[in-house]
Amino acid sequence: MRTTRIELEGDHGSVAIERQPGSATIRIDSIIRDPGKEKAWMTWQLPARIEDEELFKVAQIVQRRCDGTTGTNSMVHDYFREMQRFQS
């Protein structure tokens, strides 16, 4: 069994994480419901062999965008663990 797409939703926005079978790229789309001065939509195209440190940096941004506030380390890790499913 393989996970090819997952969608996560927070109080402030949502994120879709996707990797097509055979693809060497992870696509992450983040949408904020009421963006204010932020960009409503952000997209990352990451190599599937991305290092954990770099993926964690993206998870920090995604967590803040989804939850609407900078979270604790454990909150960021919740998003990070889901993103790790798509690494090679």
PDB file of N, CA and C in Angstrom:
ATOM      1  N   MET A   1       0.843  -1.168   0.000  1.00  0.00           N
ATOM      2  CA  MET A   1       0.000   0.000   0.000  1.00  0.00           C
ATOM      3  C   MET A   1       0.893   1.238   0.000  1.00  0.00           C
ATOM      4  N   ARG A   2       0.436   2.271  -0.678  1.00  0.00           N
ATOM      5  CA  ARG A   2       1.197   3.500  -0.774  1.00  0.00           C
ATOM      6  C   ARG A   2       0.240   4.673  -0.666  1.00  0.00           C
ATOM      7  N   THR A   3       0.644   5.689   0.078  1.00  0.00           N
ATOM      8  CA  THR A   3      -0.117   6.928   0.166  1.00  0.00           C
ATOM      9  C   THR A   3       0.369   7.836  -0.953  1.00  0.00           C
ATOM     10  N   THR A   4      -0.537   8.309  -1.806  1.00  0.00           N
ATOM     11  CA  THR A   4      -0.148   9.182  -2.908  1.00  0.00           C
ATOM     12  C   THR A   4      -0.572  10.621  -2.677  1.00  0.00           C
ATOM     13  N   ARG A   5      -1.556  10.828  -1.794  1.00  0.00           N
ATOM     14  CA  ARG A   5      -2.034  12.192  -1.517  1.00  0.00           C
ATOM     15  C   ARG A   5      -2.682  12.209  -0.138  1.00  0.00           C
ATOM     16  N   ILE A   6      -2.447  13.298   0.566  1.00  0.00           N
ATOM     17  CA  ILE A   6      -3.081  13.486   1.857  1.00  0.00           C
ATOM     18  C   ILE A   6      -3.451  14.962   1.986  1.00  0.00           C
ATOM     19  N   GLU A   7      -4.588  15.243   2.587  1.00  0.00           N
ATOM     20  CA  GLU A   7      -5.015  16.612   2.831  1.00  0.00           C
ATOM     21  C   GLU A   7      -5.186  16.808   4.325  1.00  0.00           C
ATOM     22  N   LEU A   8      -4.638  17.904   4.824  1.00  0.00           N
ATOM     23  CA  LEU A   8      -4.715  18.233   6.241  1.00  0.00           C
ATOM     24  C   LEU A   8      -5.352  19.605   6.377  1.00  0.00           C
ATOM     25  N   GLU A   9      -6.157  19.786   7.418  1.00  0.00           N
ATOM     26  CA  GLU A   9      -6.843  21.058   7.594  1.00  0.00           C
ATOM     27  C   GLU A   9      -6.665  21.554   9.019  1.00  0.00           C
ATOM     28  N   GLY A  10      -6.358  22.835   9.146  1.00  0.00           N
ATOM     29  CA  GLY A  10      -6.261  23.495  10.439  1.00  0.00           C
ATOM     30  C   GLY A  10      -7.331  24.564  10.538  1.00  0.00           C
ATOM     31  N   ASP A  11      -7.300  25.338  11.615  1.00  0.00           N
ATOM     32  CA  ASP A  11      -8.294  26.397  11.822  1.00  0.00           C
ATOM     33  C   ASP A  11      -8.159  27.538  10.819  1.00  0.00           C
ATOM     34  N   HIS A  12      -6.978  27.730  10.290  1.00  0.00           N
ATOM     35  CA  HIS A  12      -6.685  28.883   9.435  1.00  0.00           C
ATOM     36  C   HIS A  12      -6.549  28.535   7.948  1.00  0.00           C
ATOM     37  N   GLY A  13      -6.211  27.285   7.647  1.00  0.00           N
ATOM     38  CA  GLY A  13      -5.984  26.904   6.257  1.00  0.00           C
ATOM     39  C   GLY A  13      -5.836  25.407   6.106  1.00  0.00           C
ATOM     40  N   SER A  14      -5.452  25.005   4.913  1.00  0.00           N
ATOM     41  CA  SER A  14      -5.302  23.578   4.629  1.00  0.00           C
ATOM     42  C   SER A  14      -4.072  23.353   3.755  1.00  0.00           C
ATOM     43  N   VAL A  15      -3.685  22.076   3.678  1.00  0.00           N
ATOM     44  CA  VAL A  15      -2.530  21.702   2.872  1.00  0.00           C
ATOM     45  C   VAL A  15      -2.824  20.363   2.203  1.00  0.00           C
ATOM     46  N   ALA A  16      -2.372  20.213   0.975  1.00  0.00           N
ATOM     47  CA  ALA A  16      -2.427  18.941   0.257  1.00  0.00           C
ATOM     48  C   ALA A  16      -0.996  18.550  -0.062  1.00  0.00           C
ATOM     49  N   ILE A  17      -0.652  17.325   0.287  1.00  0.00           N
ATOM     50  CA  ILE A  17       0.695  16.798   0.037  1.00  0.00           C
ATOM     51  C   ILE A  17       0.532  15.629  -0.911  1.00  0.00           C
ATOM     52  N   GLU A  18       1.305  15.632  -2.005  1.00  0.00           N
ATOM     53  CA  GLU A  18       1.064  14.645  -3.055  1.00  0.00           C
ATOM     54  C   GLU A  18       2.373  14.209  -3.701  1.00  0.00           C
ATOM     55  N   ARG A  19       2.430  12.932  -4.016  1.00  0.00           N
ATOM     56  CA  ARG A  19       3.530  12.394  -4.816  1.00  0.00           C
ATOM     57  C   ARG A  19       2.958  11.284  -5.684  1.00  0.00           C
ATOM     58  N   GLN A  20       2.997  11.493  -6.961  1.00  0.00           N
ATOM     59  CA  GLN A  20       2.475  10.516  -7.905  1.00  0.00           C
ATOM     60  C   GLN A  20       3.405   9.315  -7.994  1.00  0.00           C
ATOM     61  N   PRO A  21       2.864   8.123  -8.228  1.00  0.00           N
ATOM     62  CA  PRO A  21       3.716   6.930  -8.377  1.00  0.00           C
ATOM     63  C   PRO A  21       4.780   7.143  -9.451  1.00  0.00           C
ATOM     64  N   GLY A  22       6.011   6.819  -9.107  1.00  0.00           N
ATOM     65  CA  GLY A  22       7.119   6.957 -10.043  1.00  0.00           C
ATOM     66  C   GLY A  22       7.723   8.351 -10.094  1.00  0.00           C
ATOM     67  N   SER A  23       7.111   9.316  -9.433  1.00  0.00           N
ATOM     68  CA  SER A  23       7.605  10.685  -9.466  1.00  0.00           C
ATOM     69  C   SER A  23       8.736  10.883  -8.472  1.00  0.00           C
ATOM     70  N   ALA A  24       9.672  11.734  -8.821  1.00  0.00           N
ATOM     71  CA  ALA A  24      10.784  12.069  -7.932  1.00  0.00           C
ATOM     72  C   ALA A  24      10.525  13.394  -7.227  1.00  0.00           C
ATOM     73  N   THR A  25       9.262  13.865  -7.277  1.00  0.00           N
ATOM     74  CA  THR A  25       8.903  15.167  -6.727  1.00  0.00           C
ATOM     75  C   THR A  25       7.714  15.063  -5.773  1.00  0.00           C
ATOM     76  N   ILE A  26       7.812  15.783  -4.672  1.00  0.00           N
ATOM     77  CA  ILE A  26       6.703  15.939  -3.735  1.00  0.00           C
ATOM     78  C   ILE A  26       6.110  17.318  -3.989  1.00  0.00           C
ATOM     79  N   ARG A  27       4.796  17.385  -4.147  1.00  0.00           N
ATOM     80  CA  ARG A  27       4.119  18.669  -4.341  1.00  0.00           C
ATOM     81  C   ARG A  27       3.319  18.973  -3.081  1.00  0.00           C
ATOM     82  N   ILE A  28       3.490  20.181  -2.576  1.00  0.00           N
ATOM     83  CA  ILE A  28       2.776  20.625  -1.381  1.00  0.00           C
ATOM     84  C   ILE A  28       2.051  21.923  -1.732  1.00  0.00           C
ATOM     85  N   ASP A  29       0.731  21.919  -1.579  1.00  0.00           N
ATOM     86  CA  ASP A  29      -0.096  23.104  -1.823  1.00  0.00           C
ATOM     87  C   ASP A  29      -0.722  23.549  -0.516  1.00  0.00           C
ATOM     88  N   SER A  30      -0.490  24.790  -0.136  1.00  0.00           N
ATOM     89  CA  SER A  30      -1.012  25.352   1.101  1.00  0.00           C
ATOM     90  C   SER A  30      -1.960  26.495   0.760  1.00  0.00           C
ATOM     91  N   ILE A  31      -3.150  26.467   1.355  1.00  0.00           N
ATOM     92  CA  ILE A  31      -4.158  27.502   1.109  1.00  0.00           C
ATOM     93  C   ILE A  31      -4.608  28.076   2.452  1.00  0.00           C
ATOM     94  N   ILE A  32      -4.643  29.412   2.534  1.00  0.00           N
ATOM     95  CA  ILE A  32      -5.144  30.093   3.723  1.00  0.00           C
ATOM     96  C   ILE A  32      -6.542  30.625   3.408  1.00  0.00           C
ATOM     97  N   ARG A  33      -7.485  30.430   4.333  1.00  0.00           N
ATOM     98  CA  ARG A  33      -8.865  30.867   4.106  1.00  0.00           C
ATOM     99  C   ARG A  33      -9.019  32.384   4.038  1.00  0.00           C
ATOM    100  N   ASP A  34      -8.440  33.103   4.983  1.00  0.00           N
ATOM    101  CA  ASP A  34      -8.541  34.563   5.023  1.00  0.00           C
ATOM    102  C   ASP A  34      -7.125  35.119   5.078  1.00  0.00           C
ATOM    103  N   PRO A  35      -6.475  35.284   3.934  1.00  0.00           N
ATOM    104  CA  PRO A  35      -5.038  35.548   3.911  1.00  0.00           C
ATOM    105  C   PRO A  35      -4.591  36.906   4.436  1.00  0.00           C
ATOM    106  N   GLY A  36      -5.430  37.902   4.395  1.00  0.00           N
ATOM    107  CA  GLY A  36      -4.960  39.229   4.810  1.00  0.00           C
ATOM    108  C   GLY A  36      -3.800  39.656   3.941  1.00  0.00           C
ATOM    109  N   LYS A  37      -2.628  39.869   4.541  1.00  0.00           N
ATOM    110  CA  LYS A  37      -1.446  40.314   3.788  1.00  0.00           C
ATOM    111  C   LYS A  37      -0.587  39.160   3.294  1.00  0.00           C
ATOM    112  N   GLU A  38      -0.908  37.942   3.709  1.00  0.00           N
ATOM    113  CA  GLU A  38      -0.150  36.769   3.261  1.00  0.00           C
ATOM    114  C   GLU A  38      -0.651  36.307   1.905  1.00  0.00           C
ATOM    115  N   LYS A  39       0.183  35.548   1.215  1.00  0.00           N
ATOM    116  CA  LYS A  39      -0.260  34.916  -0.021  1.00  0.00           C
ATOM    117  C   LYS A  39      -1.284  33.841   0.330  1.00  0.00           C
ATOM    118  N   ALA A  40      -2.395  33.828  -0.365  1.00  0.00           N
ATOM    119  CA  ALA A  40      -3.444  32.840  -0.088  1.00  0.00           C
ATOM    120  C   ALA A  40      -2.989  31.431  -0.453  1.00  0.00           C
ATOM    121  N   TRP A  41      -2.203  31.309  -1.503  1.00  0.00           N
ATOM    122  CA  TRP A  41      -1.800  29.999  -2.015  1.00  0.00           C
ATOM    123  C   TRP A  41      -0.289  29.941  -2.121  1.00  0.00           C
ATOM    124  N   MET A  42       0.299  28.886  -1.591  1.00  0.00           N
ATOM    125  CA  MET A  42       1.734  28.642  -1.754  1.00  0.00           C
ATOM    126  C   MET A  42       1.922  27.205  -2.209  1.00  0.00           C
ATOM    127  N   THR A  43       2.859  27.012  -3.103  1.00  0.00           N
ATOM    128  CA  THR A  43       3.159  25.679  -3.621  1.00  0.00           C
ATOM    129  C   THR A  43       4.661  25.433  -3.540  1.00  0.00           C
ATOM    130  N   TRP A  44       5.007  24.217  -3.131  1.00  0.00           N
ATOM    131  CA  TRP A  44       6.396  23.770  -3.127  1.00  0.00           C
ATOM    132  C   TRP A  44       6.498  22.544  -4.016  1.00  0.00           C
ATOM    133  N   GLN A  45       7.549  22.466  -4.790  1.00  0.00           N
ATOM    134  CA  GLN A  45       7.908  21.268  -5.550  1.00  0.00           C
ATOM    135  C   GLN A  45       9.252  20.828  -4.985  1.00  0.00           C
ATOM    136  N   LEU A  46       9.232  19.763  -4.215  1.00  0.00           N
ATOM    137  CA  LEU A  46      10.429  19.328  -3.508  1.00  0.00           C
ATOM    138  C   LEU A  46      10.913  17.988  -4.050  1.00  0.00           C
ATOM    139  N   PRO A  47      12.224  17.772  -4.060  1.00  0.00           N
ATOM    140  CA  PRO A  47      12.719  16.453  -4.462  1.00  0.00           C
ATOM    141  C   PRO A  47      12.305  15.425  -3.408  1.00  0.00           C
ATOM    142  N   ALA A  48      11.929  14.243  -3.848  1.00  0.00           N
ATOM    143  CA  ALA A  48      11.504  13.184  -2.927  1.00  0.00           C
ATOM    144  C   ALA A  48      12.636  12.753  -2.005  1.00  0.00           C
ATOM    145  N   ARG A  49      13.866  13.014  -2.396  1.00  0.00           N
ATOM    146  CA  ARG A  49      15.020  12.659  -1.565  1.00  0.00           C
ATOM    147  C   ARG A  49      15.467  13.834  -0.689  1.00  0.00           C
ATOM    148  N   ILE A  50      14.577  14.730  -0.398  1.00  0.00           N
ATOM    149  CA  ILE A  50      14.878  15.908   0.421  1.00  0.00           C
ATOM    150  C   ILE A  50      15.351  15.476   1.817  1.00  0.00           C
ATOM    151  N   GLU A  51      16.297  16.217   2.352  1.00  0.00           N
ATOM    152  CA  GLU A  51      16.809  15.950   3.695  1.00  0.00           C
ATOM    153  C   GLU A  51      15.752  16.351   4.728  1.00  0.00           C
ATOM    154  N   ASP A  52      15.752  15.671   5.863  1.00  0.00           N
ATOM    155  CA  ASP A  52      14.788  15.956   6.922  1.00  0.00           C
ATOM    156  C   ASP A  52      14.833  17.413   7.380  1.00  0.00           C
ATOM    157  N   GLU A  53      16.023  17.988   7.476  1.00  0.00           N
ATOM    158  CA  GLU A  53      16.154  19.370   7.942  1.00  0.00           C
ATOM    159  C   GLU A  53      15.422  20.337   7.022  1.00  0.00           C
ATOM    160  N   GLU A  54      15.543  20.122   5.719  1.00  0.00           N
ATOM    161  CA  GLU A  54      14.876  20.996   4.752  1.00  0.00           C
ATOM    162  C   GLU A  54      13.363  20.777   4.769  1.00  0.00           C
ATOM    163  N   LEU A  55      12.947  19.537   4.885  1.00  0.00           N
ATOM    164  CA  LEU A  55      11.520  19.232   4.941  1.00  0.00           C
ATOM    165  C   LEU A  55      10.901  19.812   6.213  1.00  0.00           C
ATOM    166  N   PHE A  56      11.639  19.788   7.313  1.00  0.00           N
ATOM    167  CA  PHE A  56      11.143  20.351   8.568  1.00  0.00           C
ATOM    168  C   PHE A  56      10.918  21.853   8.438  1.00  0.00           C
ATOM    169  N   LYS A  57      11.783  22.542   7.707  1.00  0.00           N
ATOM    170  CA  LYS A  57      11.605  23.981   7.480  1.00  0.00           C
ATOM    171  C   LYS A  57      10.294  24.257   6.756  1.00  0.00           C
ATOM    172  N   VAL A  58       9.975  23.441   5.779  1.00  0.00           N
ATOM    173  CA  VAL A  58       8.696  23.593   5.059  1.00  0.00           C
ATOM    174  C   VAL A  58       7.541  23.266   6.006  1.00  0.00           C
ATOM    175  N   ALA A  59       7.708  22.245   6.840  1.00  0.00           N
ATOM    176  CA  ALA A  59       6.658  21.872   7.796  1.00  0.00           C
ATOM    177  C   ALA A  59       6.366  23.021   8.761  1.00  0.00           C
ATOM    178  N   GLN A  60       7.375  23.777   9.146  1.00  0.00           N
ATOM    179  CA  GLN A  60       7.159  24.927  10.028  1.00  0.00           C
ATOM    180  C   GLN A  60       6.266  25.972   9.359  1.00  0.00           C
ATOM    181  N   ILE A  61       6.513  26.233   8.095  1.00  0.00           N
ATOM    182  CA  ILE A  61       5.707  27.207   7.354  1.00  0.00           C
ATOM    183  C   ILE A  61       4.286  26.687   7.182  1.00  0.00           C
ATOM    184  N   VAL A  62       4.163  25.430   6.798  1.00  0.00           N
ATOM    185  CA  VAL A  62       2.846  24.828   6.578  1.00  0.00           C
ATOM    186  C   VAL A  62       2.032  24.829   7.876  1.00  0.00           C
ATOM    187  N   GLN A  63       2.668  24.484   8.986  1.00  0.00           N
ATOM    188  CA  GLN A  63       1.959  24.468  10.271  1.00  0.00           C
ATOM    189  C   GLN A  63       1.425  25.854  10.617  1.00  0.00           C
ATOM    190  N   ARG A  64       2.245  26.870  10.440  1.00  0.00           N
ATOM    191  CA  ARG A  64       1.817  28.239  10.743  1.00  0.00           C
ATOM    192  C   ARG A  64       0.668  28.671   9.843  1.00  0.00           C
ATOM    193  N   ARG A  65       0.763  28.308   8.566  1.00  0.00           N
ATOM    194  CA  ARG A  65      -0.297  28.681   7.630  1.00  0.00           C
ATOM    195  C   ARG A  65      -1.601  27.937   7.937  1.00  0.00           C
ATOM    196  N   CYS A  66      -1.520  26.686   8.308  1.00  0.00           N
ATOM    197  CA  CYS A  66      -2.736  25.901   8.596  1.00  0.00           C
ATOM    198  C   CYS A  66      -3.369  26.281   9.927  1.00  0.00           C
ATOM    199  N   ASP A  67      -2.542  26.486  10.945  1.00  0.00           N
ATOM    200  CA  ASP A  67      -3.064  26.731  12.286  1.00  0.00           C
ATOM    201  C   ASP A  67      -3.240  28.215  12.609  1.00  0.00           C
ATOM    202  N   GLY A  68      -2.615  29.086  11.825  1.00  0.00           N
ATOM    203  CA  GLY A  68      -2.783  30.517  12.027  1.00  0.00           C
ATOM    204  C   GLY A  68      -1.863  31.124  13.066  1.00  0.00           C
ATOM    205  N   THR A  69      -0.992  30.318  13.650  1.00  0.00           N
ATOM    206  CA  THR A  69      -0.047  30.793  14.653  1.00  0.00           C
ATOM    207  C   THR A  69       1.176  29.885  14.651  1.00  0.00           C
ATOM    208  N   THR A  70       2.299  30.419  15.091  1.00  0.00           N
ATOM    209  CA  THR A  70       3.503  29.597  15.200  1.00  0.00           C
ATOM    210  C   THR A  70       3.290  28.589  16.313  1.00  0.00           C
ATOM    211  N   GLY A  71       3.424  27.330  15.975  1.00  0.00           N
ATOM    212  CA  GLY A  71       3.140  26.274  16.933  1.00  0.00           C
ATOM    213  C   GLY A  71       4.366  25.810  17.698  1.00  0.00           C
ATOM    214  N   THR A  72       4.112  24.944  18.644  1.00  0.00           N
ATOM    215  CA  THR A  72       5.186  24.320  19.402  1.00  0.00           C
ATOM    216  C   THR A  72       5.892  23.318  18.504  1.00  0.00           C
ATOM    217  N   ASN A  73       7.020  22.833  18.962  1.00  0.00           N
ATOM    218  CA  ASN A  73       7.777  21.853  18.200  1.00  0.00           C
ATOM    219  C   ASN A  73       6.932  20.612  17.901  1.00  0.00           C
ATOM    220  N   SER A  74       6.121  20.183  18.874  1.00  0.00           N
ATOM    221  CA  SER A  74       5.299  18.986  18.644  1.00  0.00           C
ATOM    222  C   SER A  74       4.213  19.243  17.608  1.00  0.00           C
ATOM    223  N   MET A  75       3.698  20.466  17.538  1.00  0.00           N
ATOM    224  CA  MET A  75       2.691  20.784  16.519  1.00  0.00           C
ATOM    225  C   MET A  75       3.311  20.719  15.120  1.00  0.00           C
ATOM    226  N   VAL A  76       4.513  21.245  14.988  1.00  0.00           N
ATOM    227  CA  VAL A  76       5.217  21.201  13.706  1.00  0.00           C
ATOM    228  C   VAL A  76       5.513  19.751  13.339  1.00  0.00           C
ATOM    229  N   HIS A  77       5.899  18.951  14.315  1.00  0.00           N
ATOM    230  CA  HIS A  77       6.217  17.543  14.061  1.00  0.00           C
ATOM    231  C   HIS A  77       5.009  16.771  13.543  1.00  0.00           C
ATOM    232  N   ASP A  78       3.802  17.152  13.926  1.00  0.00           N
ATOM    233  CA  ASP A  78       2.611  16.489  13.390  1.00  0.00           C
ATOM    234  C   ASP A  78       2.553  16.638  11.874  1.00  0.00           C
ATOM    235  N   TYR A  79       2.805  17.823  11.378  1.00  0.00           N
ATOM    236  CA  TYR A  79       2.816  18.059   9.928  1.00  0.00           C
ATOM    237  C   TYR A  79       4.032  17.394   9.289  1.00  0.00           C
ATOM    238  N   PHE A  80       5.171  17.515   9.946  1.00  0.00           N
ATOM    239  CA  PHE A  80       6.417  16.947   9.434  1.00  0.00           C
ATOM    240  C   PHE A  80       6.297  15.437   9.220  1.00  0.00           C
ATOM    241  N   ARG A  81       5.719  14.729  10.195  1.00  0.00           N
ATOM    242  CA  ARG A  81       5.566  13.263  10.065  1.00  0.00           C
ATOM    243  C   ARG A  81       4.705  12.893   8.858  1.00  0.00           C
ATOM    244  N   GLU A  82       3.661  13.662   8.623  1.00  0.00           N
ATOM    245  CA  GLU A  82       2.826  13.385   7.456  1.00  0.00           C
ATOM    246  C   GLU A  82       3.590  13.630   6.158  1.00  0.00           C
ATOM    247  N   MET A  83       4.413  14.661   6.133  1.00  0.00           N
ATOM    248  CA  MET A  83       5.211  14.961   4.943  1.00  0.00           C
ATOM    249  C   MET A  83       6.260  13.882   4.697  1.00  0.00           C
ATOM    250  N   GLN A  84       6.805  13.315   5.761  1.00  0.00           N
ATOM    251  CA  GLN A  84       7.831  12.277   5.609  1.00  0.00           C
ATOM    252  C   GLN A  84       7.302  11.037   4.879  1.00  0.00           C
ATOM    253  N   ARG A  85       6.018  10.807   4.890  1.00  0.00           N
ATOM    254  CA  ARG A  85       5.449   9.659   4.171  1.00  0.00           C
ATOM    255  C   ARG A  85       5.807   9.678   2.682  1.00  0.00           C
ATOM    256  N   PHE A  86       6.093  10.864   2.159  1.00  0.00           N
ATOM    257  CA  PHE A  86       6.300  11.031   0.730  1.00  0.00           C
ATOM    258  C   PHE A  86       7.771  11.086   0.330  1.00  0.00           C
ATOM    259  N   GLN A  87       8.673  11.026   1.300  1.00  0.00           N
ATOM    260  CA  GLN A  87      10.102  11.006   1.002  1.00  0.00           C
ATOM    261  C   GLN A  87      10.520   9.658   0.438  1.00  0.00           C
ATOM    262  N   SER A  88      11.619   9.666  -0.299  1.00  0.00           N
ATOM    263  CA  SER A  88      12.202   8.413  -0.794  1.00  0.00           C
ATOM    264  C   SER A  88      13.170   7.867   0.210  1.00  0.00           C
TER     265      SER A  88
END
